[in-house]
Amino acid sequence: MLRNYFKIAFRSIWKNKLFTLIIIIGIIFGPAIENVQMVDEKNNCFRSLPDTC
């Protein structure tokens, strides 16, 4: 049964190559961009603090 699910998934991926590529790019770049935004936001927060030294 599980084998049939993988067959169907592979056929669907093979038929819809462009759509699959768009989805994979979104899965790869989505978290990466979110991580960059979080780091940038953290750096901006530290820049706005008054200098205590």
N, C-alpha and C. Protein backbone atom coordinates (compact mmCIF):
# COMPACT_ATOMS: atom_id res chain seq x y z
N MET A 1 0.83 -1.19 0.00
CA MET A 1 0.00 0.00 0.00
C MET A 1 0.87 1.26 0.00
N LEU A 2 1.85 1.27 0.87
CA LEU A 2 2.74 2.42 0.95
C LEU A 2 3.51 2.57 -0.36
N ARG A 3 3.86 1.47 -0.95
CA ARG A 3 4.57 1.49 -2.23
C ARG A 3 3.73 2.19 -3.31
N ASN A 4 2.43 1.92 -3.31
CA ASN A 4 1.55 2.56 -4.28
C ASN A 4 1.48 4.07 -4.06
N TYR A 5 1.50 4.50 -2.80
CA TYR A 5 1.48 5.93 -2.51
C TYR A 5 2.72 6.61 -3.09
N PHE A 6 3.87 5.96 -2.91
CA PHE A 6 5.10 6.53 -3.45
C PHE A 6 5.08 6.56 -4.98
N LYS A 7 4.52 5.54 -5.58
CA LYS A 7 4.40 5.51 -7.04
C LYS A 7 3.56 6.68 -7.54
N ILE A 8 2.42 6.87 -6.91
CA ILE A 8 1.51 7.95 -7.30
C ILE A 8 2.18 9.30 -7.10
N ALA A 9 2.87 9.47 -5.97
CA ALA A 9 3.56 10.73 -5.70
C ALA A 9 4.64 10.98 -6.75
N PHE A 10 5.42 9.96 -7.08
CA PHE A 10 6.48 10.13 -8.07
C PHE A 10 5.91 10.47 -9.44
N ARG A 11 4.84 9.83 -9.83
CA ARG A 11 4.21 10.13 -11.12
C ARG A 11 3.70 11.57 -11.15
N SER A 12 3.11 12.00 -10.05
CA SER A 12 2.59 13.37 -9.97
C SER A 12 3.73 14.38 -10.07
N ILE A 13 4.83 14.10 -9.38
CA ILE A 13 5.99 14.98 -9.45
C ILE A 13 6.55 15.01 -10.86
N TRP A 14 6.61 13.86 -11.49
CA TRP A 14 7.18 13.76 -12.84
C TRP A 14 6.33 14.50 -13.87
N LYS A 15 5.01 14.45 -13.72
CA LYS A 15 4.12 15.12 -14.67
C LYS A 15 4.11 16.64 -14.48
N ASN A 16 4.20 17.09 -13.25
CA ASN A 16 4.10 18.51 -12.94
C ASN A 16 5.46 19.05 -12.51
N LYS A 17 6.41 19.03 -13.39
CA LYS A 17 7.78 19.41 -13.04
C LYS A 17 7.90 20.87 -12.64
N LEU A 18 7.26 21.76 -13.36
CA LEU A 18 7.36 23.19 -13.05
C LEU A 18 6.74 23.49 -11.69
N PHE A 19 5.56 22.97 -11.45
CA PHE A 19 4.89 23.18 -10.18
C PHE A 19 5.72 22.62 -9.03
N THR A 20 6.29 21.43 -9.23
CA THR A 20 7.14 20.81 -8.21
C THR A 20 8.37 21.67 -7.94
N LEU A 21 8.97 22.21 -8.98
CA LEU A 21 10.14 23.07 -8.83
C LEU A 21 9.80 24.32 -8.02
N ILE A 22 8.66 24.92 -8.31
CA ILE A 22 8.22 26.11 -7.58
C ILE A 22 8.01 25.78 -6.10
N ILE A 23 7.41 24.65 -5.82
CA ILE A 23 7.17 24.24 -4.43
C ILE A 23 8.49 23.99 -3.70
N ILE A 24 9.42 23.30 -4.35
CA ILE A 24 10.70 23.00 -3.72
C ILE A 24 11.49 24.28 -3.46
N ILE A 25 11.47 25.21 -4.41
CA ILE A 25 12.16 26.49 -4.20
C ILE A 25 11.54 27.23 -3.02
N GLY A 26 10.23 27.21 -2.92
CA GLY A 26 9.57 27.86 -1.79
C GLY A 26 9.93 27.22 -0.46
N ILE A 27 10.02 25.90 -0.44
CA ILE A 27 10.38 25.20 0.79
C ILE A 27 11.82 25.51 1.18
N ILE A 28 12.69 25.67 0.21
CA ILE A 28 14.10 25.95 0.50
C ILE A 28 14.30 27.40 0.92
N PHE A 29 13.77 28.35 0.15
CA PHE A 29 14.06 29.75 0.39
C PHE A 29 13.18 30.39 1.46
N GLY A 30 12.01 29.84 1.73
CA GLY A 30 11.13 30.42 2.74
C GLY A 30 11.77 30.50 4.12
N PRO A 31 12.20 29.37 4.67
CA PRO A 31 12.86 29.42 5.99
C PRO A 31 14.17 30.20 5.96
N ALA A 32 14.90 30.16 4.86
CA ALA A 32 16.17 30.89 4.79
C ALA A 32 15.93 32.39 4.87
N ILE A 33 14.94 32.88 4.16
CA ILE A 33 14.62 34.31 4.19
C ILE A 33 14.10 34.72 5.57
N GLU A 34 13.29 33.86 6.18
CA GLU A 34 12.79 34.14 7.52
C GLU A 34 13.94 34.24 8.52
N ASN A 35 14.91 33.36 8.39
CA ASN A 35 16.07 33.38 9.28
C ASN A 35 16.86 34.67 9.11
N VAL A 36 17.06 35.10 7.89
CA VAL A 36 17.79 36.35 7.63
C VAL A 36 17.04 37.53 8.23
N GLN A 37 15.73 37.54 8.10
CA GLN A 37 14.94 38.63 8.66
C GLN A 37 15.02 38.66 10.18
N MET A 38 15.02 37.49 10.80
CA MET A 38 15.12 37.43 12.26
C MET A 38 16.47 37.95 12.74
N VAL A 39 17.54 37.58 12.06
CA VAL A 39 18.87 38.04 12.44
C VAL A 39 18.97 39.55 12.25
N ASP A 40 18.44 40.05 11.15
CA ASP A 40 18.47 41.49 10.88
C ASP A 40 17.67 42.26 11.93
N GLU A 41 16.52 41.72 12.31
CA GLU A 41 15.69 42.37 13.32
C GLU A 41 16.41 42.40 14.67
N LYS A 42 17.11 41.32 15.00
CA LYS A 42 17.85 41.27 16.25
C LYS A 42 18.99 42.28 16.24
N ASN A 43 19.68 42.41 15.12
CA ASN A 43 20.77 43.39 15.02
C ASN A 43 20.24 44.81 15.13
N ASN A 44 19.10 45.10 14.52
CA ASN A 44 18.52 46.44 14.62
C ASN A 44 18.12 46.76 16.05
N CYS A 45 17.67 45.76 16.78
CA CYS A 45 17.30 45.97 18.17
C CYS A 45 18.52 46.36 18.99
N PHE A 46 19.64 45.69 18.76
CA PHE A 46 20.84 46.01 19.51
C PHE A 46 21.41 47.37 19.13
N ARG A 47 21.25 47.79 17.91
CA ARG A 47 21.74 49.11 17.48
C ARG A 47 20.98 50.25 18.13
N SER A 48 19.70 50.01 18.43
CA SER A 48 18.89 51.09 18.96
C SER A 48 19.06 51.27 20.47
N LEU A 49 19.75 50.32 21.15
CA LEU A 49 19.97 50.47 22.58
C LEU A 49 21.01 51.55 22.85
N PRO A 50 20.86 52.31 23.93
CA PRO A 50 21.86 53.34 24.23
C PRO A 50 23.19 52.69 24.62
N ASP A 51 24.25 53.38 24.35
CA ASP A 51 25.57 52.86 24.67
C ASP A 51 25.81 53.02 26.17
N THR A 52 26.03 51.93 26.88
CA THR A 52 26.16 51.98 28.33
C THR A 52 27.61 51.94 28.79
N CYS A 53 28.56 51.87 27.89
CA CYS A 53 29.97 51.77 28.28
C CYS A 53 30.56 53.12 28.60
